Amino acid sequence: MDEGPVLIHIWTVDPAEESAAVQSLEDLFAKQVVTDPGFVSARILQSKDQSSVAAVIEMKSSEDRARIEQAPDVRETLDHLHGAASLVIRLYHQVSAYGA
């Protein structure tokens, strides 16, 4: 399967550090990700107990996703999110979509 345009990255965080981790992602998305010409959407998710944070970035193409993923600021944040330990980095290829 070809790599797709969606990146999902999940971290485990100390609940006391969760807000700082989310703020780091919000800053990165606002300054670099959403301004990229290949940007489609991005989401930051948190677990109910605030012990896990996830970032979902969708780009127009797998090439756009690879480029944004390797940008120095993006790479640094994904690899060293404040107060977090990386759990999972996966690239996804869409097989189905549903919407209203």
PDB file of N, CA and C in Angstrom:
ATOM      1  N   MET A   1       0.842  -1.170   0.000  1.00  0.00           N
ATOM      2  CA  MET A   1       0.000   0.000   0.000  1.00  0.00           C
ATOM      3  C   MET A   1       0.893   1.239   0.000  1.00  0.00           C
ATOM      4  N   ASP A   2       0.535   2.208  -0.794  1.00  0.00           N
ATOM      5  CA  ASP A   2       1.259   3.473  -0.809  1.00  0.00           C
ATOM      6  C   ASP A   2       1.013   4.230   0.484  1.00  0.00           C
ATOM      7  N   GLU A   3       2.001   5.035   0.861  1.00  0.00           N
ATOM      8  CA  GLU A   3       1.791   5.912   2.010  1.00  0.00           C
ATOM      9  C   GLU A   3       0.729   6.934   1.638  1.00  0.00           C
ATOM     10  N   GLY A   4      -0.105   7.271   2.592  1.00  0.00           N
ATOM     11  CA  GLY A   4      -1.185   8.209   2.334  1.00  0.00           C
ATOM     12  C   GLY A   4      -0.877   9.605   2.831  1.00  0.00           C
ATOM     13  N   PRO A   5      -1.840  10.501   2.677  1.00  0.00           N
ATOM     14  CA  PRO A   5      -1.652  11.897   3.053  1.00  0.00           C
ATOM     15  C   PRO A   5      -1.976  12.220   4.509  1.00  0.00           C
ATOM     16  N   VAL A   6      -2.298  11.204   5.321  1.00  0.00           N
ATOM     17  CA  VAL A   6      -2.700  11.436   6.707  1.00  0.00           C
ATOM     18  C   VAL A   6      -1.619  10.932   7.659  1.00  0.00           C
ATOM     19  N   LEU A   7      -1.256  11.771   8.616  1.00  0.00           N
ATOM     20  CA  LEU A   7      -0.317  11.406   9.671  1.00  0.00           C
ATOM     21  C   LEU A   7      -1.064  11.444  10.991  1.00  0.00           C
ATOM     22  N   ILE A   8      -0.967  10.369  11.754  1.00  0.00           N
ATOM     23  CA  ILE A   8      -1.531  10.323  13.093  1.00  0.00           C
ATOM     24  C   ILE A   8      -0.382  10.037  14.050  1.00  0.00           C
ATOM     25  N   HIS A   9      -0.221  10.902  15.037  1.00  0.00           N
ATOM     26  CA  HIS A   9       0.854  10.759  16.016  1.00  0.00           C
ATOM     27  C   HIS A   9       0.214  10.819  17.394  1.00  0.00           C
ATOM     28  N   ILE A  10       0.532   9.837  18.250  1.00  0.00           N
ATOM     29  CA  ILE A  10      -0.067   9.734  19.574  1.00  0.00           C
ATOM     30  C   ILE A  10       1.040   9.757  20.627  1.00  0.00           C
ATOM     31  N   TRP A  11       0.810  10.527  21.690  1.00  0.00           N
ATOM     32  CA  TRP A  11       1.760  10.616  22.797  1.00  0.00           C
ATOM     33  C   TRP A  11       1.078  10.253  24.100  1.00  0.00           C
ATOM     34  N   THR A  12       1.845   9.712  25.026  1.00  0.00           N
ATOM     35  CA  THR A  12       1.390   9.605  26.402  1.00  0.00           C
ATOM     36  C   THR A  12       1.975  10.804  27.138  1.00  0.00           C
ATOM     37  N   VAL A  13       1.174  11.413  27.997  1.00  0.00           N
ATOM     38  CA  VAL A  13       1.616  12.616  28.706  1.00  0.00           C
ATOM     39  C   VAL A  13       1.248  12.517  30.177  1.00  0.00           C
ATOM     40  N   ASP A  14       2.036  13.195  30.988  1.00  0.00           N
ATOM     41  CA  ASP A  14       1.674  13.387  32.382  1.00  0.00           C
ATOM     42  C   ASP A  14       0.487  14.353  32.362  1.00  0.00           C
ATOM     43  N   PRO A  15      -0.629  14.029  33.001  1.00  0.00           N
ATOM     44  CA  PRO A  15      -1.778  14.930  32.967  1.00  0.00           C
ATOM     45  C   PRO A  15      -1.444  16.370  33.381  1.00  0.00           C
ATOM     46  N   ALA A  16      -0.463  16.539  34.257  1.00  0.00           N
ATOM     47  CA  ALA A  16      -0.064  17.886  34.660  1.00  0.00           C
ATOM     48  C   ALA A  16       0.626  18.641  33.524  1.00  0.00           C
ATOM     49  N   GLU A  17       1.158  17.922  32.531  1.00  0.00           N
ATOM     50  CA  GLU A  17       1.863  18.528  31.394  1.00  0.00           C
ATOM     51  C   GLU A  17       1.000  18.583  30.130  1.00  0.00           C
ATOM     52  N   GLU A  18      -0.211  18.050  30.202  1.00  0.00           N
ATOM     53  CA  GLU A  18      -1.060  17.934  29.010  1.00  0.00           C
ATOM     54  C   GLU A  18      -1.346  19.284  28.359  1.00  0.00           C
ATOM     55  N   SER A  19      -1.661  20.291  29.140  1.00  0.00           N
ATOM     56  CA  SER A  19      -1.991  21.589  28.537  1.00  0.00           C
ATOM     57  C   SER A  19      -0.791  22.193  27.825  1.00  0.00           C
ATOM     58  N   ALA A  20       0.417  22.001  28.338  1.00  0.00           N
ATOM     59  CA  ALA A  20       1.624  22.499  27.662  1.00  0.00           C
ATOM     60  C   ALA A  20       1.860  21.742  26.360  1.00  0.00           C
ATOM     61  N   ALA A  21       1.598  20.443  26.366  1.00  0.00           N
ATOM     62  CA  ALA A  21       1.754  19.650  25.142  1.00  0.00           C
ATOM     63  C   ALA A  21       0.764  20.115  24.074  1.00  0.00           C
ATOM     64  N   VAL A  22      -0.484  20.315  24.465  1.00  0.00           N
ATOM     65  CA  VAL A  22      -1.509  20.794  23.527  1.00  0.00           C
ATOM     66  C   VAL A  22      -1.130  22.176  22.997  1.00  0.00           C
ATOM     67  N   GLN A  23      -0.658  23.048  23.857  1.00  0.00           N
ATOM     68  CA  GLN A  23      -0.258  24.389  23.426  1.00  0.00           C
ATOM     69  C   GLN A  23       0.885  24.330  22.415  1.00  0.00           C
ATOM     70  N   SER A  24       1.840  23.431  22.626  1.00  0.00           N
ATOM     71  CA  SER A  24       2.936  23.265  21.665  1.00  0.00           C
ATOM     72  C   SER A  24       2.405  22.859  20.288  1.00  0.00           C
ATOM     73  N   LEU A  25       1.455  21.934  20.286  1.00  0.00           N
ATOM     74  CA  LEU A  25       0.854  21.505  19.015  1.00  0.00           C
ATOM     75  C   LEU A  25       0.045  22.633  18.383  1.00  0.00           C
ATOM     76  N   GLU A  26      -0.733  23.353  19.183  1.00  0.00           N
ATOM     77  CA  GLU A  26      -1.521  24.467  18.645  1.00  0.00           C
ATOM     78  C   GLU A  26      -0.616  25.523  18.016  1.00  0.00           C
ATOM     79  N   ASP A  27       0.487  25.839  18.680  1.00  0.00           N
ATOM     80  CA  ASP A  27       1.431  26.820  18.131  1.00  0.00           C
ATOM     81  C   ASP A  27       2.021  26.337  16.815  1.00  0.00           C
ATOM     82  N   LEU A  28       2.433  25.078  16.785  1.00  0.00           N
ATOM     83  CA  LEU A  28       3.013  24.511  15.567  1.00  0.00           C
ATOM     84  C   LEU A  28       1.998  24.514  14.425  1.00  0.00           C
ATOM     85  N   PHE A  29       0.782  24.059  14.701  1.00  0.00           N
ATOM     86  CA  PHE A  29      -0.233  24.000  13.647  1.00  0.00           C
ATOM     87  C   PHE A  29      -0.538  25.386  13.110  1.00  0.00           C
ATOM     88  N   ALA A  30      -0.697  26.356  14.003  1.00  0.00           N
ATOM     89  CA  ALA A  30      -1.045  27.718  13.576  1.00  0.00           C
ATOM     90  C   ALA A  30       0.075  28.384  12.789  1.00  0.00           C
ATOM     91  N   LYS A  31       1.304  28.159  13.182  1.00  0.00           N
ATOM     92  CA  LYS A  31       2.439  28.849  12.556  1.00  0.00           C
ATOM     93  C   LYS A  31       2.949  28.165  11.301  1.00  0.00           C
ATOM     94  N   GLN A  32       2.869  26.837  11.240  1.00  0.00           N
ATOM     95  CA  GLN A  32       3.502  26.158  10.122  1.00  0.00           C
ATOM     96  C   GLN A  32       2.584  25.241   9.327  1.00  0.00           C
ATOM     97  N   VAL A  33       1.797  24.444   9.988  1.00  0.00           N
ATOM     98  CA  VAL A  33       1.030  23.417   9.276  1.00  0.00           C
ATOM     99  C   VAL A  33      -0.102  24.029   8.456  1.00  0.00           C
ATOM    100  N   VAL A  34      -0.948  24.872   9.061  1.00  0.00           N
ATOM    101  CA  VAL A  34      -2.118  25.395   8.344  1.00  0.00           C
ATOM    102  C   VAL A  34      -1.748  26.360   7.219  1.00  0.00           C
ATOM    103  N   THR A  35      -0.538  26.886   7.239  1.00  0.00           N
ATOM    104  CA  THR A  35      -0.114  27.813   6.181  1.00  0.00           C
ATOM    105  C   THR A  35       0.513  27.102   4.992  1.00  0.00           C
ATOM    106  N   ASP A  36       0.711  25.805   5.093  1.00  0.00           N
ATOM    107  CA  ASP A  36       1.313  25.043   4.001  1.00  0.00           C
ATOM    108  C   ASP A  36       0.300  24.901   2.860  1.00  0.00           C
ATOM    109  N   PRO A  37       0.725  25.063   1.607  1.00  0.00           N
ATOM    110  CA  PRO A  37      -0.222  24.962   0.487  1.00  0.00           C
ATOM    111  C   PRO A  37      -0.871  23.586   0.328  1.00  0.00           C
ATOM    112  N   GLY A  38      -0.284  22.557   0.904  1.00  0.00           N
ATOM    113  CA  GLY A  38      -0.862  21.214   0.811  1.00  0.00           C
ATOM    114  C   GLY A  38      -1.776  20.862   1.970  1.00  0.00           C
ATOM    115  N   PHE A  39      -2.009  21.810   2.880  1.00  0.00           N
ATOM    116  CA  PHE A  39      -2.821  21.563   4.073  1.00  0.00           C
ATOM    117  C   PHE A  39      -4.282  21.324   3.733  1.00  0.00           C
ATOM    118  N   VAL A  40      -4.883  20.306   4.373  1.00  0.00           N
ATOM    119  CA  VAL A  40      -6.321  20.034   4.269  1.00  0.00           C
ATOM    120  C   VAL A  40      -6.980  20.238   5.627  1.00  0.00           C
ATOM    121  N   SER A  41      -6.493  19.540   6.651  1.00  0.00           N
ATOM    122  CA  SER A  41      -7.072  19.674   7.993  1.00  0.00           C
ATOM    123  C   SER A  41      -6.088  19.171   9.040  1.00  0.00           C
ATOM    124  N   ALA A  42      -6.328  19.583  10.268  1.00  0.00           N
ATOM    125  CA  ALA A  42      -5.525  19.102  11.394  1.00  0.00           C
ATOM    126  C   ALA A  42      -6.410  19.098  12.630  1.00  0.00           C
ATOM    127  N   ARG A  43      -6.182  18.124  13.478  1.00  0.00           N
ATOM    128  CA  ARG A  43      -6.931  18.023  14.725  1.00  0.00           C
ATOM    129  C   ARG A  43      -5.984  17.643  15.854  1.00  0.00           C
ATOM    130  N   ILE A  44      -6.291  18.136  17.031  1.00  0.00           N
ATOM    131  CA  ILE A  44      -5.599  17.733  18.244  1.00  0.00           C
ATOM    132  C   ILE A  44      -6.651  17.072  19.120  1.00  0.00           C
ATOM    133  N   LEU A  45      -6.358  15.869  19.564  1.00  0.00           N
ATOM    134  CA  LEU A  45      -7.293  15.108  20.385  1.00  0.00           C
ATOM    135  C   LEU A  45      -6.651  14.810  21.735  1.00  0.00           C
ATOM    136  N   GLN A  46      -7.471  14.695  22.770  1.00  0.00           N
ATOM    137  CA  GLN A  46      -6.956  14.323  24.080  1.00  0.00           C
ATOM    138  C   GLN A  46      -7.852  13.247  24.667  1.00  0.00           C
ATOM    139  N   SER A  47      -7.249  12.391  25.478  1.00  0.00           N
ATOM    140  CA  SER A  47      -8.042  11.376  26.164  1.00  0.00           C
ATOM    141  C   SER A  47      -8.789  12.031  27.313  1.00  0.00           C
ATOM    142  N   LYS A  48      -9.852  11.397  27.748  1.00  0.00           N
ATOM    143  CA  LYS A  48     -10.682  11.954  28.817  1.00  0.00           C
ATOM    144  C   LYS A  48      -9.873  12.200  30.088  1.00  0.00           C
ATOM    145  N   ASP A  49      -8.928  11.299  30.383  1.00  0.00           N
ATOM    146  CA  ASP A  49      -8.128  11.442  31.598  1.00  0.00           C
ATOM    147  C   ASP A  49      -6.888  12.320  31.394  1.00  0.00           C
ATOM    148  N   GLN A  50      -6.764  12.918  30.222  1.00  0.00           N
ATOM    149  CA  GLN A  50      -5.674  13.830  29.861  1.00  0.00           C
ATOM    150  C   GLN A  50      -4.300  13.175  29.945  1.00  0.00           C
ATOM    151  N   SER A  51      -4.233  11.850  29.766  1.00  0.00           N
ATOM    152  CA  SER A  51      -2.956  11.150  29.798  1.00  0.00           C
ATOM    153  C   SER A  51      -2.437  10.817  28.404  1.00  0.00           C
ATOM    154  N   SER A  52      -3.197  11.209  27.393  1.00  0.00           N
ATOM    155  CA  SER A  52      -2.790  10.947  26.020  1.00  0.00           C
ATOM    156  C   SER A  52      -3.265  12.082  25.119  1.00  0.00           C
ATOM    157  N   VAL A  53      -2.408  12.443  24.164  1.00  0.00           N
ATOM    158  CA  VAL A  53      -2.713  13.484  23.192  1.00  0.00           C
ATOM    159  C   VAL A  53      -2.411  12.911  21.809  1.00  0.00           C
ATOM    160  N   ALA A  54      -3.246  13.242  20.836  1.00  0.00           N
ATOM    161  CA  ALA A  54      -3.024  12.788  19.466  1.00  0.00           C
ATOM    162  C   ALA A  54      -3.112  13.969  18.513  1.00  0.00           C
ATOM    163  N   ALA A  55      -2.291  13.915  17.478  1.00  0.00           N
ATOM    164  CA  ALA A  55      -2.346  14.908  16.406  1.00  0.00           C
ATOM    165  C   ALA A  55      -2.693  14.176  15.121  1.00  0.00           C
ATOM    166  N   VAL A  56      -3.646  14.717  14.384  1.00  0.00           N
ATOM    167  CA  VAL A  56      -4.046  14.159  13.098  1.00  0.00           C
ATOM    168  C   VAL A  56      -3.858  15.265  12.069  1.00  0.00           C
ATOM    169  N   ILE A  57      -3.003  15.021  11.092  1.00  0.00           N
ATOM    170  CA  ILE A  57      -2.732  16.004  10.045  1.00  0.00           C
ATOM    171  C   ILE A  57      -3.071  15.366   8.708  1.00  0.00           C
ATOM    172  N   GLU A  58      -3.938  16.027   7.941  1.00  0.00           N
ATOM    173  CA  GLU A  58      -4.281  15.558   6.608  1.00  0.00           C
ATOM    174  C   GLU A  58      -3.797  16.589   5.598  1.00  0.00           C
ATOM    175  N   MET A  59      -3.037  16.096   4.629  1.00  0.00           N
ATOM    176  CA  MET A  59      -2.518  16.937   3.564  1.00  0.00           C
ATOM    177  C   MET A  59      -3.160  16.493   2.246  1.00  0.00           C
ATOM    178  N   LYS A  60      -2.959  17.266   1.181  1.00  0.00           N
ATOM    179  CA  LYS A  60      -3.556  16.940  -0.119  1.00  0.00           C
ATOM    180  C   LYS A  60      -2.970  15.681  -0.731  1.00  0.00           C
ATOM    181  N   SER A  61      -1.695  15.430  -0.501  1.00  0.00           N
ATOM    182  CA  SER A  61      -1.039  14.260  -1.099  1.00  0.00           C
ATOM    183  C   SER A  61      -0.032  13.669  -0.123  1.00  0.00           C
ATOM    184  N   SER A  62       0.415  12.468  -0.411  1.00  0.00           N
ATOM    185  CA  SER A  62       1.436  11.851   0.435  1.00  0.00           C
ATOM    186  C   SER A  62       2.742  12.632   0.350  1.00  0.00           C
ATOM    187  N   GLU A  63       3.002  13.263  -0.788  1.00  0.00           N
ATOM    188  CA  GLU A  63       4.199  14.096  -0.930  1.00  0.00           C
ATOM    189  C   GLU A  63       4.117  15.331  -0.029  1.00  0.00           C
ATOM    190  N   ASP A  64       2.930  15.958   0.030  1.00  0.00           N
ATOM    191  CA  ASP A  64       2.729  17.104   0.925  1.00  0.00           C
ATOM    192  C   ASP A  64       2.918  16.681   2.379  1.00  0.00           C
ATOM    193  N   ARG A  65       2.352  15.522   2.732  1.00  0.00           N
ATOM    194  CA  ARG A  65       2.488  15.023   4.095  1.00  0.00           C
ATOM    195  C   ARG A  65       3.954  14.751   4.435  1.00  0.00           C
ATOM    196  N   ALA A  66       4.683  14.136   3.535  1.00  0.00           N
ATOM    197  CA  ALA A  66       6.100  13.846   3.780  1.00  0.00           C
ATOM    198  C   ALA A  66       6.900  15.137   3.940  1.00  0.00           C
ATOM    199  N   ARG A  67       6.596  16.120   3.128  1.00  0.00           N
ATOM    200  CA  ARG A  67       7.323  17.393   3.190  1.00  0.00           C
ATOM    201  C   ARG A  67       7.075  18.099   4.516  1.00  0.00           C
ATOM    202  N   ILE A  68       5.798  18.215   4.935  1.00  0.00           N
ATOM    203  CA  ILE A  68       5.501  18.919   6.175  1.00  0.00           C
ATOM    204  C   ILE A  68       6.036  18.141   7.372  1.00  0.00           C
ATOM    205  N   GLU A  69       5.983  16.832   7.295  1.00  0.00           N
ATOM    206  CA  GLU A  69       6.471  15.991   8.385  1.00  0.00           C
ATOM    207  C   GLU A  69       7.979  16.156   8.601  1.00  0.00           C
ATOM    208  N   GLN A  70       8.720  16.422   7.539  1.00  0.00           N
ATOM    209  CA  GLN A  70      10.172  16.561   7.635  1.00  0.00           C
ATOM    210  C   GLN A  70      10.642  17.996   7.858  1.00  0.00           C
ATOM    211  N   ALA A  71       9.729  18.953   7.872  1.00  0.00           N
ATOM    212  CA  ALA A  71      10.106  20.341   8.170  1.00  0.00           C
ATOM    213  C   ALA A  71      10.721  20.365   9.569  1.00  0.00           C
ATOM    214  N   PRO A  72      11.819  21.096   9.767  1.00  0.00           N
ATOM    215  CA  PRO A  72      12.530  21.056  11.061  1.00  0.00           C
ATOM    216  C   PRO A  72      11.657  21.320  12.287  1.00  0.00           C
ATOM    217  N   ASP A  73      10.821  22.350  12.265  1.00  0.00           N
ATOM    218  CA  ASP A  73       9.982  22.661  13.435  1.00  0.00           C
ATOM    219  C   ASP A  73       8.943  21.567  13.693  1.00  0.00           C
ATOM    220  N   VAL A  74       8.384  21.030  12.619  1.00  0.00           N
ATOM    221  CA  VAL A  74       7.395  19.959  12.760  1.00  0.00           C
ATOM    222  C   VAL A  74       8.069  18.712  13.318  1.00  0.00           C
ATOM    223  N   ARG A  75       9.178  18.336  12.735  1.00  0.00           N
ATOM    224  CA  ARG A  75       9.904  17.143  13.185  1.00  0.00           C
ATOM    225  C   ARG A  75      10.303  17.266  14.658  1.00  0.00           C
ATOM    226  N   GLU A  76      10.813  18.431  15.051  1.00  0.00           N
ATOM    227  CA  GLU A  76      11.225  18.652  16.434  1.00  0.00           C
ATOM    228  C   GLU A  76      10.038  18.502  17.381  1.00  0.00           C
ATOM    229  N   THR A  77       8.896  19.077  17.033  1.00  0.00           N
ATOM    230  CA  THR A  77       7.719  18.983  17.903  1.00  0.00           C
ATOM    231  C   THR A  77       7.209  17.552  17.966  1.00  0.00           C
ATOM    232  N   LEU A  78       7.120  16.869  16.836  1.00  0.00           N
ATOM    233  CA  LEU A  78       6.627  15.493  16.845  1.00  0.00           C
ATOM    234  C   LEU A  78       7.539  14.578  17.651  1.00  0.00           C
ATOM    235  N   ASP A  79       8.852  14.788  17.538  1.00  0.00           N
ATOM    236  CA  ASP A  79       9.808  13.925  18.240  1.00  0.00           C
ATOM    237  C   ASP A  79       9.982  14.271  19.709  1.00  0.00           C
ATOM    238  N   HIS A  80       9.768  15.533  20.071  1.00  0.00           N
ATOM    239  CA  HIS A  80      10.067  15.979  21.432  1.00  0.00           C
ATOM    240  C   HIS A  80       8.956  16.853  22.002  1.00  0.00           C
ATOM    241  N   LEU A  81       7.727  16.405  21.905  1.00  0.00           N
ATOM    242  CA  LEU A  81       6.601  17.182  22.434  1.00  0.00           C
ATOM    243  C   LEU A  81       6.772  17.393  23.927  1.00  0.00           C
ATOM    244  N   HIS A  82       6.552  18.625  24.381  1.00  0.00           N
ATOM    245  CA  HIS A  82       6.748  19.016  25.783  1.00  0.00           C
ATOM    246  C   HIS A  82       6.021  18.072  26.738  1.00  0.00           C
ATOM    247  N   GLY A  83       6.767  17.455  27.637  1.00  0.00           N
ATOM    248  CA  GLY A  83       6.185  16.623  28.689  1.00  0.00           C
ATOM    249  C   GLY A  83       5.566  15.326  28.221  1.00  0.00           C
ATOM    250  N   ALA A  84       5.944  14.853  27.033  1.00  0.00           N
ATOM    251  CA  ALA A  84       5.286  13.676  26.482  1.00  0.00           C
ATOM    252  C   ALA A  84       6.297  12.638  26.010  1.00  0.00           C
ATOM    253  N   ALA A  85       5.837  11.413  25.935  1.00  0.00           N
ATOM    254  CA  ALA A  85       6.609  10.326  25.343  1.00  0.00           C
ATOM    255  C   ALA A  85       5.836   9.819  24.139  1.00  0.00           C
ATOM    256  N   SER A  86       6.510   9.688  23.020  1.00  0.00           N
ATOM    257  CA  SER A  86       5.853   9.253  21.797  1.00  0.00           C
ATOM    258  C   SER A  86       5.429   7.797  21.908  1.00  0.00           C
ATOM    259  N   LEU A  87       4.201   7.531  21.532  1.00  0.00           N
ATOM    260  CA  LEU A  87       3.697   6.165  21.526  1.00  0.00           C
ATOM    261  C   LEU A  87       3.660   5.595  20.118  1.00  0.00           C
ATOM    262  N   VAL A  88       2.997   6.290  19.224  1.00  0.00           N
ATOM    263  CA  VAL A  88       2.732   5.732  17.911  1.00  0.00           C
ATOM    264  C   VAL A  88       2.837   6.815  16.848  1.00  0.00           C
ATOM    265  N   ILE A  89       3.543   6.498  15.788  1.00  0.00           N
ATOM    266  CA  ILE A  89       3.526   7.336  14.593  1.00  0.00           C
ATOM    267  C   ILE A  89       3.095   6.405  13.472  1.00  0.00           C
ATOM    268  N   ARG A  90       2.026   6.745  12.811  1.00  0.00           N
ATOM    269  CA  ARG A  90       1.541   5.912  11.714  1.00  0.00           C
ATOM    270  C   ARG A  90       1.070   6.795  10.565  1.00  0.00           C
ATOM    271  N   LEU A  91       1.272   6.304   9.368  1.00  0.00           N
ATOM    272  CA  LEU A  91       0.754   6.947   8.171  1.00  0.00           C
ATOM    273  C   LEU A  91      -0.440   6.122   7.721  1.00  0.00           C
ATOM    274  N   TYR A  92      -1.514   6.798   7.369  1.00  0.00           N
ATOM    275  CA  TYR A  92      -2.727   6.091   6.997  1.00  0.00           C
ATOM    276  C   TYR A  92      -3.153   6.430   5.580  1.00  0.00           C
ATOM    277  N   HIS A  93      -3.711   5.443   4.913  1.00  0.00           N
ATOM    278  CA  HIS A  93      -4.269   5.573   3.576  1.00  0.00           C
ATOM    279  C   HIS A  93      -5.773   5.365   3.735  1.00  0.00           C
ATOM    280  N   GLN A  94      -6.561   6.337   3.299  1.00  0.00           N
ATOM    281  CA  GLN A  94      -8.011   6.258   3.472  1.00  0.00           C
ATOM    282  C   GLN A  94      -8.606   5.162   2.620  1.00  0.00           C
ATOM    283  N   VAL A  95      -9.470   4.368   3.232  1.00  0.00           N
ATOM    284  CA  VAL A  95     -10.172   3.317   2.503  1.00  0.00           C
ATOM    285  C   VAL A  95     -11.664   3.603   2.372  1.00  0.00           C
ATOM    286  N   SER A  96     -12.211   4.431   3.281  1.00  0.00           N
ATOM    287  CA  SER A  96     -13.617   4.814   3.229  1.00  0.00           C
ATOM    288  C   SER A  96     -13.799   6.152   3.940  1.00  0.00           C
ATOM    289  N   ALA A  97     -14.859   6.872   3.566  1.00  0.00           N
ATOM    290  CA  ALA A  97     -15.179   8.136   4.235  1.00  0.00           C
ATOM    291  C   ALA A  97     -16.700   8.276   4.287  1.00  0.00           C
ATOM    292  N   TYR A  98     -17.192   8.832   5.372  1.00  0.00           N
ATOM    293  CA  TYR A  98     -18.619   9.051   5.561  1.00  0.00           C
ATOM    294  C   TYR A  98     -18.808  10.453   6.111  1.00  0.00           C
ATOM    295  N   GLY A  99     -19.845  11.111   5.735  1.00  0.00           N
ATOM    296  CA  GLY A  99     -20.094  12.459   6.251  1.00  0.00           C
ATOM    297  C   GLY A  99     -21.539  12.849   6.035  1.00  0.00           C
ATOM    298  N   ALA A 100     -21.914  13.893   6.730  1.00  0.00           N
ATOM    299  CA  ALA A 100     -23.286  14.382   6.619  1.00  0.00           C
ATOM    300  C   ALA A 100     -23.459  15.233   5.394  1.00  0.00           C
TER     301      ALA A 100
END
